[in-house]
Amino acid sequence: MSIMLNTDAPIRDHLPDTIKNALPSTVTDKLAALEAGREMWLLPPLVDLCARLREPGQQQHGTLESEGRAARSNGFLHVVIPPDTNPILENGSLLKGLRERALDDGGIYLHILGALTAGLEGERPSNIAGLKKGGCIAVSNARRPFRNDLVLLRTLEYAATFGMKVFFYPDEASLSGDGVAHEGYIASYHGLQGIPWIAETVALSTQLLMVEETGIAAHFSQLSCKSSIELMRWAKDKGLPVTCDVAMHQLYLTDDNLEGFNAQAYVLPPLRSNTDQQAIRRGLKDGTIDAICSHHEPLNSTAKKAPFAESTPGISNFDTFMALACQLVHDEVLTLEQLVEKICLNPAKIAGISEQYENIGGAVLVDPNLEWQVTAQTMLSNGKNTPFFNQQLQGRVVETFFG
């Protein structure tokens, strides 16, 4: 099915046939009747592999309703959340209610990572059987450390008995310590405690070896440095059951954005060097990196007002995600086909929700050339914490067709 605008500018239709053929006639008729003088993109719903919606436990920053609506309006229909909420997501019987509230209040399908260790304390396995029964798509220890590598090994062996995928956020706490910025010239100049790139890569190398030993399927989220991408190439060449993603902001920001103690650019893992960023872009283009996540972390207005090292890390990313995605195509980092794979189809596969994704369906209409300014009024998220504030961006979701 080819859908055309009334002018010579076609809709670039990238819906999979299974989703496209299930669209209601009211939607296809509306698309066919669109009048526009420029190119538009028709994409399947976006799938986010890591976002913090701040509920439960941190509703001063956002709620399932506020962040769900921001996600939905920006094209995300499916959102994966890590387990480090308050309370920690380790009780499988409570997860159904959370998913129902996300759908009822925010209009999104929530996919939950359960706690890999009890209380995320890295001491002993959680009730993984109960989490699987409760509908968790995978388990994770978020960025919390394990007591030692033996605990990690035994926990992965235990998770493997239930066929549970594990999501990793690689960080060796003994190396990253209390660091707040990428270890390099910018951190040194500003007197900020650095986080060396090796803190991520040492953890990643250990975790990859554990994956090889246990055979467990694993996903590595928010990789940020050149050596990590090289390690992922090695792991994939060996045929290990692994995938990985990067956060969208890592493709556009570097530690240079911290100049002047810009707390809006304070995020963990930290913004890395230009060399790291170029390696990430290459890894995205050659397929080493499977997906792009938002790593959405909304914060209230006071969270970034303390001195840099005492402020709260995080960037609100739902509202700027599509503009940055469009820029990847404009800059020929990715083709539009590749972009759809990285932000829609591959994340659905990684989350193990492809069948549900196709059954629910939906479509997202994007104007890749629409210029808009990032302001408190144009941002839908409760969190206005973004390094892109007051900047002009190009590309935005103009309409969603979700049931």
Protein backbone atom coordinates (compact mmCIF):
# COMPACT_ATOMS: atom_id res chain seq x y z
CA MET A 1 0.00 0.00 0.00
CA SER A 2 1.51 3.29 -1.09
CA ILE A 3 0.07 6.43 0.46
CA MET A 4 0.59 9.70 -1.38
CA LEU A 5 0.03 13.33 -0.47
CA ASN A 6 -2.03 15.58 -2.71
CA THR A 7 1.15 17.27 -3.94
CA ASP A 8 4.28 15.86 -5.51
CA ALA A 9 5.75 15.29 -2.04
CA PRO A 10 5.17 11.64 -1.07
CA ILE A 11 4.87 10.24 2.38
CA ARG A 12 7.94 8.09 2.86
CA ASP A 13 6.09 5.04 4.11
CA HIS A 14 8.17 2.79 6.39
CA LEU A 15 5.43 0.81 8.09
CA PRO A 16 5.90 -2.98 8.08
CA ASP A 17 3.17 -4.66 6.06
CA THR A 18 1.75 -6.39 9.13
CA ILE A 19 1.16 -3.01 10.77
CA LYS A 20 0.22 -1.10 7.62
CA ASN A 21 -2.44 -3.54 6.52
CA ALA A 22 -4.10 -3.35 9.94
CA LEU A 23 -4.48 0.45 9.94
CA PRO A 24 -8.13 1.54 10.05
CA SER A 25 -9.47 3.01 6.82
CA THR A 26 -10.10 6.28 8.67
CA VAL A 27 -6.32 6.59 9.15
CA THR A 28 -5.34 5.67 5.59
CA ASP A 29 -7.99 8.02 4.20
CA LYS A 30 -6.69 10.84 6.38
CA LEU A 31 -3.11 10.21 5.27
CA ALA A 32 -4.11 10.10 1.61
CA ALA A 33 -5.92 13.41 1.99
CA LEU A 34 -3.01 15.24 3.61
CA GLU A 35 -1.84 18.39 1.90
CA ALA A 36 1.76 19.31 2.41
CA GLY A 37 4.45 20.99 0.40
CA ARG A 38 7.27 18.85 1.69
CA GLU A 39 8.34 15.36 2.58
CA MET A 40 6.74 13.50 5.48
CA TRP A 41 7.68 10.20 7.10
CA LEU A 42 5.27 7.50 8.20
CA LEU A 43 6.93 5.30 10.81
CA PRO A 44 5.84 2.49 13.10
CA PRO A 45 5.54 3.30 16.83
CA LEU A 46 8.83 3.99 18.60
CA VAL A 47 10.11 1.58 21.27
CA ASP A 48 12.31 3.01 24.04
CA LEU A 49 14.69 0.57 25.73
CA CYS A 50 15.42 2.83 28.71
CA ALA A 51 13.42 5.65 30.24
CA ARG A 52 12.79 6.67 33.82
CA LEU A 53 9.23 7.88 34.25
CA ARG A 54 9.85 8.74 37.94
CA GLU A 55 6.90 6.74 39.23
CA PRO A 56 6.83 5.03 41.65
CA GLY A 57 8.78 7.01 44.20
CA GLN A 58 9.93 10.25 42.54
CA GLN A 59 6.71 11.91 41.47
CA GLN A 60 8.20 15.35 42.19
CA HIS A 61 10.01 14.91 38.86
CA GLY A 62 7.31 13.21 36.78
CA THR A 63 4.48 10.68 36.78
CA LEU A 64 3.23 7.84 34.62
CA GLU A 65 0.60 10.27 33.38
CA SER A 66 2.87 13.21 32.55
CA GLU A 67 5.75 11.20 31.12
CA GLY A 68 3.48 8.68 29.42
CA ARG A 69 1.70 11.46 27.58
CA ALA A 70 5.00 13.07 26.63
CA ALA A 71 6.27 9.72 25.33
CA ARG A 72 3.10 9.02 23.35
CA SER A 73 2.95 12.48 21.78
CA ASN A 74 6.56 12.10 20.68
CA GLY A 75 5.94 8.74 19.01
CA PHE A 76 6.85 6.30 21.80
CA LEU A 77 4.09 3.75 22.38
CA HIS A 78 6.26 1.14 24.13
CA VAL A 79 8.63 2.09 26.96
CA VAL A 80 11.03 -0.08 28.97
CA ILE A 81 11.81 1.03 32.53
CA PRO A 82 14.71 -0.14 34.73
CA PRO A 83 14.07 -1.52 38.22
CA ASP A 84 15.68 1.22 40.32
CA THR A 85 12.44 2.95 41.31
CA ASN A 86 11.23 3.41 44.88
CA PRO A 87 10.19 0.80 45.83
CA ILE A 88 12.51 -1.31 43.71
CA LEU A 89 10.75 -3.42 41.09
CA GLU A 90 11.30 -6.84 42.65
CA ASN A 91 7.76 -7.94 43.54
CA GLY A 92 6.19 -9.58 40.50
CA SER A 93 2.67 -9.35 41.92
CA LEU A 94 2.75 -5.52 41.88
CA LEU A 95 3.79 -5.07 38.27
CA LYS A 96 0.42 -5.65 36.62
CA GLY A 97 -1.04 -2.60 38.36
CA LEU A 98 1.90 -0.47 37.24
CA ARG A 99 1.42 -1.49 33.63
CA GLU A 100 -2.32 -0.85 33.83
CA ARG A 101 -1.79 2.66 35.25
CA ALA A 102 0.78 3.47 32.56
CA LEU A 103 -1.77 2.56 29.89
CA ASP A 104 -4.78 4.16 31.58
CA ASP A 105 -3.07 7.37 32.72
CA GLY A 106 -0.30 7.84 30.16
CA GLY A 107 -1.51 5.87 27.15
CA ILE A 108 1.69 3.83 26.79
CA TYR A 109 2.60 0.16 27.05
CA LEU A 110 5.06 -0.26 29.90
CA HIS A 111 7.65 -3.05 29.80
CA ILE A 112 9.41 -3.69 33.06
CA LEU A 113 12.92 -4.83 33.93
CA GLY A 114 12.80 -6.64 37.26
CA ALA A 115 15.57 -6.47 39.85
CA LEU A 116 18.33 -8.99 39.16
CA THR A 117 19.46 -9.07 42.81
CA ALA A 118 17.38 -8.64 45.95
CA GLY A 119 16.99 -4.93 46.63
CA LEU A 120 19.53 -4.30 43.84
CA GLU A 121 22.11 -4.78 46.58
CA GLY A 122 24.28 -7.15 44.53
CA GLU A 123 24.37 -9.77 47.28
CA ARG A 124 22.01 -12.54 46.17
CA PRO A 125 19.51 -13.26 43.36
CA SER A 126 16.03 -11.77 43.51
CA ASN A 127 12.85 -13.81 43.12
CA ILE A 128 13.37 -14.15 39.38
CA ALA A 129 10.66 -16.81 39.04
CA GLY A 130 8.13 -14.41 40.56
CA LEU A 131 9.29 -11.57 38.32
CA LYS A 132 8.90 -13.72 35.23
CA LYS A 133 5.42 -14.75 36.35
CA GLY A 134 4.64 -11.07 36.93
CA GLY A 135 5.45 -10.28 33.29
CA CYS A 136 8.94 -8.79 33.42
CA ILE A 137 10.59 -8.81 30.00
CA ALA A 138 14.08 -9.15 31.53
CA VAL A 139 16.05 -8.49 34.72
CA SER A 140 18.75 -5.95 35.52
CA ASN A 141 20.78 -4.53 38.38
CA ALA A 142 20.60 -1.07 36.75
CA ARG A 143 23.85 0.78 37.53
CA ARG A 144 24.17 -0.81 40.97
CA PRO A 145 27.32 -2.88 41.63
CA PHE A 146 27.62 -6.58 42.51
CA ARG A 147 29.43 -7.55 45.69
CA ASN A 148 31.91 -9.54 43.61
CA ASP A 149 32.20 -11.43 40.35
CA LEU A 150 31.17 -14.73 41.91
CA VAL A 151 27.81 -13.23 42.88
CA LEU A 152 27.43 -11.97 39.32
CA LEU A 153 28.24 -15.41 37.89
CA ARG A 154 25.87 -17.31 40.18
CA THR A 155 23.09 -14.77 39.64
CA LEU A 156 23.41 -15.06 35.86
CA GLU A 157 23.37 -18.85 36.11
CA TYR A 158 20.19 -18.58 38.16
CA ALA A 159 18.55 -16.19 35.68
CA ALA A 160 19.53 -18.53 32.84
CA THR A 161 17.52 -21.36 34.40
CA PHE A 162 14.38 -19.26 33.87
CA GLY A 163 15.36 -18.18 30.36
CA MET A 164 15.44 -14.52 31.42
CA LYS A 165 17.36 -11.97 29.43
CA VAL A 166 19.63 -9.63 31.42
CA PHE A 167 20.02 -5.91 30.75
CA PHE A 168 23.41 -4.47 31.78
CA TYR A 169 24.42 -0.85 32.34
CA PRO A 170 28.19 -1.39 32.48
CA ASP A 171 29.99 0.49 35.23
CA GLU A 172 32.84 -0.62 37.49
CA ALA A 173 32.07 1.29 40.67
CA SER A 174 35.61 1.00 42.03
CA LEU A 175 36.83 2.95 38.99
CA SER A 176 33.99 5.42 38.49
CA GLY A 177 33.81 6.23 42.21
CA ASP A 178 32.20 9.59 42.87
CA GLY A 179 33.03 10.89 39.42
CA VAL A 180 30.63 13.26 37.67
CA ALA A 181 32.22 13.85 34.26
CA HIS A 182 34.30 12.11 31.61
CA GLU A 183 37.92 12.00 32.77
CA GLY A 184 39.74 14.36 30.46
CA TYR A 185 40.72 17.97 29.89
CA ILE A 186 37.25 19.46 30.49
CA ALA A 187 36.80 17.72 33.86
CA SER A 188 40.33 18.61 34.91
CA TYR A 189 39.95 22.26 33.87
CA HIS A 190 36.74 22.58 35.88
CA GLY A 191 38.09 20.68 38.87
CA LEU A 192 35.45 17.95 38.49
CA GLN A 193 36.11 14.37 39.54
CA GLY A 194 36.44 12.26 36.41
CA ILE A 195 35.00 8.93 35.34
CA PRO A 196 37.54 7.12 33.13
CA TRP A 197 36.28 5.34 30.04
CA ILE A 198 37.82 2.15 31.39
CA ALA A 199 35.20 2.10 34.20
CA GLU A 200 32.66 1.16 31.56
CA THR A 201 34.87 -1.09 29.48
CA VAL A 202 36.25 -3.15 32.39
CA ALA A 203 32.69 -3.87 33.55
CA LEU A 204 31.61 -4.65 29.99
CA SER A 205 34.49 -7.06 29.39
CA THR A 206 33.71 -8.95 32.61
CA GLN A 207 30.03 -9.13 31.79
CA LEU A 208 30.71 -10.36 28.24
CA LEU A 209 32.91 -13.15 29.60
CA MET A 210 30.13 -14.10 32.02
CA VAL A 211 27.68 -14.17 29.12
CA GLU A 212 30.03 -16.47 27.22
CA GLU A 213 30.30 -18.76 30.26
CA THR A 214 26.59 -18.94 31.10
CA GLY A 215 25.08 -18.62 27.62
CA ILE A 216 22.53 -16.11 28.89
CA ALA A 217 21.05 -13.58 26.43
CA ALA A 218 22.16 -10.07 27.34
CA HIS A 219 21.55 -6.51 26.29
CA PHE A 220 24.03 -3.73 27.06
CA SER A 221 22.46 -0.31 27.40
CA GLN A 222 23.86 3.20 27.02
CA LEU A 223 27.38 2.36 25.89
CA SER A 224 29.38 5.56 25.68
CA CYS A 225 32.97 4.98 24.63
CA LYS A 226 35.10 3.75 21.74
CA SER A 227 36.54 0.69 23.51
CA SER A 228 33.07 -0.53 24.46
CA ILE A 229 32.01 -0.49 20.82
CA GLU A 230 35.15 -2.43 19.89
CA LEU A 231 34.38 -5.03 22.57
CA MET A 232 30.83 -5.41 21.27
CA ARG A 233 32.20 -6.07 17.77
CA TRP A 234 34.41 -8.79 19.25
CA ALA A 235 31.47 -10.33 21.13
CA LYS A 236 29.25 -10.34 18.06
CA ASP A 237 32.01 -11.80 15.90
CA LYS A 238 32.26 -14.62 18.46
CA GLY A 239 28.53 -15.22 18.12
CA LEU A 240 27.62 -14.32 21.70
CA PRO A 241 23.87 -13.72 22.29
CA VAL A 242 24.29 -9.98 22.86
CA THR A 243 22.80 -6.69 21.67
CA CYS A 244 23.49 -3.09 22.67
CA ASP A 245 22.15 0.43 22.49
CA VAL A 246 23.33 4.00 22.93
CA ALA A 247 21.49 7.03 24.28
CA MET A 248 20.48 9.56 21.63
CA HIS A 249 22.21 12.47 23.40
CA GLN A 250 25.59 10.69 23.20
CA LEU A 251 25.39 11.03 19.41
CA TYR A 252 25.22 14.84 19.61
CA LEU A 253 26.82 15.98 22.86
CA THR A 254 30.35 15.59 24.23
CA ASP A 255 32.12 16.65 27.41
CA ASP A 256 32.70 20.00 25.68
CA ASN A 257 29.06 20.75 26.56
CA LEU A 258 30.02 20.79 30.25
CA GLU A 259 32.00 24.01 29.81
CA GLY A 260 30.98 26.67 32.30
CA PHE A 261 29.72 23.98 34.72
CA ASN A 262 26.63 23.35 32.59
CA ALA A 263 24.66 21.03 34.89
CA GLN A 264 22.08 20.45 32.13
CA ALA A 265 24.74 18.27 30.48
CA TYR A 266 25.39 16.24 33.65
CA VAL A 267 24.30 12.69 32.94
CA LEU A 268 25.49 9.17 33.82
CA PRO A 269 27.14 7.55 31.95
CA PRO A 270 28.86 10.87 31.25
CA LEU A 271 29.14 12.65 27.94
CA ARG A 272 32.43 11.42 26.49
CA SER A 273 35.03 12.79 24.08
CA ASN A 274 34.64 13.62 20.41
CA THR A 275 36.70 10.50 19.60
CA ASP A 276 34.23 8.35 21.51
CA GLN A 277 31.29 10.01 19.82
CA GLN A 278 32.68 9.38 16.34
CA ALA A 279 33.27 5.71 17.25
CA ILE A 280 29.67 5.42 18.45
CA ARG A 281 28.40 6.92 15.21
CA ARG A 282 30.48 4.43 13.21
CA GLY A 283 29.21 1.56 15.34
CA LEU A 284 25.66 2.70 14.73
CA LYS A 285 26.20 2.87 11.00
CA ASP A 286 27.92 -0.53 10.65
CA GLY A 287 25.34 -2.35 12.76
CA THR A 288 27.48 -3.03 15.83
CA ILE A 289 25.00 -0.91 17.80
CA ASP A 290 21.50 -2.33 17.49
CA ALA A 291 19.34 0.43 18.90
CA ILE A 292 19.05 3.99 20.19
CA CYS A 293 17.28 4.65 23.48
CA SER A 294 16.12 7.96 24.92
CA HIS A 295 17.58 7.49 28.43
CA HIS A 296 14.84 9.94 29.42
CA GLU A 297 15.33 11.24 32.97
CA PRO A 298 13.01 14.16 33.78
CA LEU A 299 13.88 16.38 36.75
CA ASN A 300 12.10 19.22 38.48
CA SER A 301 13.31 22.81 38.32
CA THR A 302 15.44 22.67 41.47
CA ALA A 303 17.39 19.47 40.66
CA LYS A 304 19.93 21.25 38.44
CA LYS A 305 20.35 24.42 40.50
CA ALA A 306 23.00 23.12 42.89
CA PRO A 307 26.71 23.32 41.97
CA PHE A 308 27.51 20.87 39.15
CA ALA A 309 28.79 17.95 41.24
CA GLU A 310 25.92 18.28 43.72
CA SER A 311 23.15 18.55 41.14
CA THR A 312 21.13 15.57 39.97
CA PRO A 313 22.27 13.77 36.79
CA GLY A 314 19.80 13.29 33.97
CA ILE A 315 18.45 14.74 30.73
CA SER A 316 14.80 14.97 29.68
CA ASN A 317 14.85 13.41 26.23
CA PHE A 318 11.39 12.47 24.95
CA ASP A 319 10.74 15.88 23.39
CA THR A 320 14.05 16.24 21.54
CA PHE A 321 14.44 12.58 20.49
CA MET A 322 12.74 12.76 17.09
CA ALA A 323 14.52 15.95 16.04
CA LEU A 324 17.88 14.34 16.78
CA ALA A 325 16.76 11.18 14.99
CA CYS A 326 15.87 13.22 11.91
CA GLN A 327 19.28 14.88 12.07
CA LEU A 328 20.97 11.46 11.88
CA VAL A 329 19.28 10.99 8.50
CA HIS A 330 19.99 14.57 7.36
CA ASP A 331 23.66 14.07 8.27
CA GLU A 332 23.73 10.68 6.49
CA VAL A 333 24.80 8.86 9.63
CA LEU A 334 21.85 6.52 9.00
CA THR A 335 19.42 5.98 6.18
CA LEU A 336 15.75 6.32 7.08
CA GLU A 337 15.43 2.54 6.79
CA GLN A 338 18.26 2.08 9.28
CA LEU A 339 16.74 4.64 11.63
CA VAL A 340 13.45 2.72 11.71
CA GLU A 341 15.40 -0.39 12.65
CA LYS A 342 17.28 1.40 15.46
CA ILE A 343 14.32 3.14 17.12
CA CYS A 344 11.37 0.87 16.29
CA LEU A 345 11.94 -2.67 15.04
CA ASN A 346 15.20 -3.71 16.73
CA PRO A 347 14.16 -2.40 20.17
CA ALA A 348 10.93 -4.41 19.91
CA LYS A 349 12.97 -7.55 19.16
CA ILE A 350 15.43 -6.85 21.98
CA ALA A 351 12.57 -6.36 24.44
CA GLY A 352 10.99 -9.59 23.24
CA ILE A 353 7.71 -7.86 22.36
CA SER A 354 7.65 -8.13 18.55
CA GLU A 355 4.39 -10.09 18.42
CA GLN A 356 2.63 -7.69 20.80
CA TYR A 357 4.14 -4.75 18.92
CA GLU A 358 2.67 -5.90 15.61
CA ASN A 359 -0.70 -6.78 17.15
CA ILE A 360 -1.09 -3.37 18.78
CA GLY A 361 0.18 -1.60 15.66
CA GLY A 362 -0.10 2.13 15.15
CA ALA A 363 1.74 4.74 13.12
CA VAL A 364 3.69 7.96 13.63
CA LEU A 365 3.67 10.87 11.16
CA VAL A 366 6.88 12.90 11.21
CA ASP A 367 7.75 16.17 9.52
CA PRO A 368 11.56 15.82 9.28
CA ASN A 369 12.00 19.46 8.28
CA LEU A 370 9.73 21.17 10.79
CA GLU A 371 11.72 23.77 12.71
CA TRP A 372 10.82 24.44 16.33
CA GLN A 373 12.40 25.90 19.44
CA VAL A 374 12.94 23.91 22.63
CA THR A 375 11.12 25.87 25.35
CA ALA A 376 9.14 25.10 28.49
CA GLN A 377 6.00 25.48 26.37
CA THR A 378 7.07 23.16 23.53
CA MET A 379 8.34 20.45 25.89
CA LEU A 380 5.57 18.09 27.00
CA SER A 381 7.56 16.31 29.71
CA ASN A 382 7.39 17.59 33.27
CA GLY A 383 11.18 17.73 33.12
CA LYS A 384 12.57 20.76 31.29
CA ASN A 385 16.16 19.66 31.99
CA THR A 386 17.89 19.58 28.62
CA PRO A 387 21.13 20.99 27.16
CA PHE A 388 19.08 21.81 24.04
CA PHE A 389 16.90 24.37 25.86
CA ASN A 390 16.15 27.44 23.71
CA GLN A 391 17.83 25.86 20.67
CA GLN A 392 16.21 25.58 17.24
CA LEU A 393 15.79 21.94 16.21
CA GLN A 394 14.52 20.42 12.98
CA GLY A 395 12.07 17.52 12.83
CA ARG A 396 9.10 16.58 14.99
CA VAL A 397 6.22 14.13 15.35
CA VAL A 398 3.16 15.94 14.00
CA GLU A 399 0.56 13.23 14.58
CA THR A 400 0.27 9.76 16.05
CA PHE A 401 -2.23 7.11 15.05
CA PHE A 402 -2.44 4.91 18.11
CA GLY A 403 -5.48 2.91 19.16
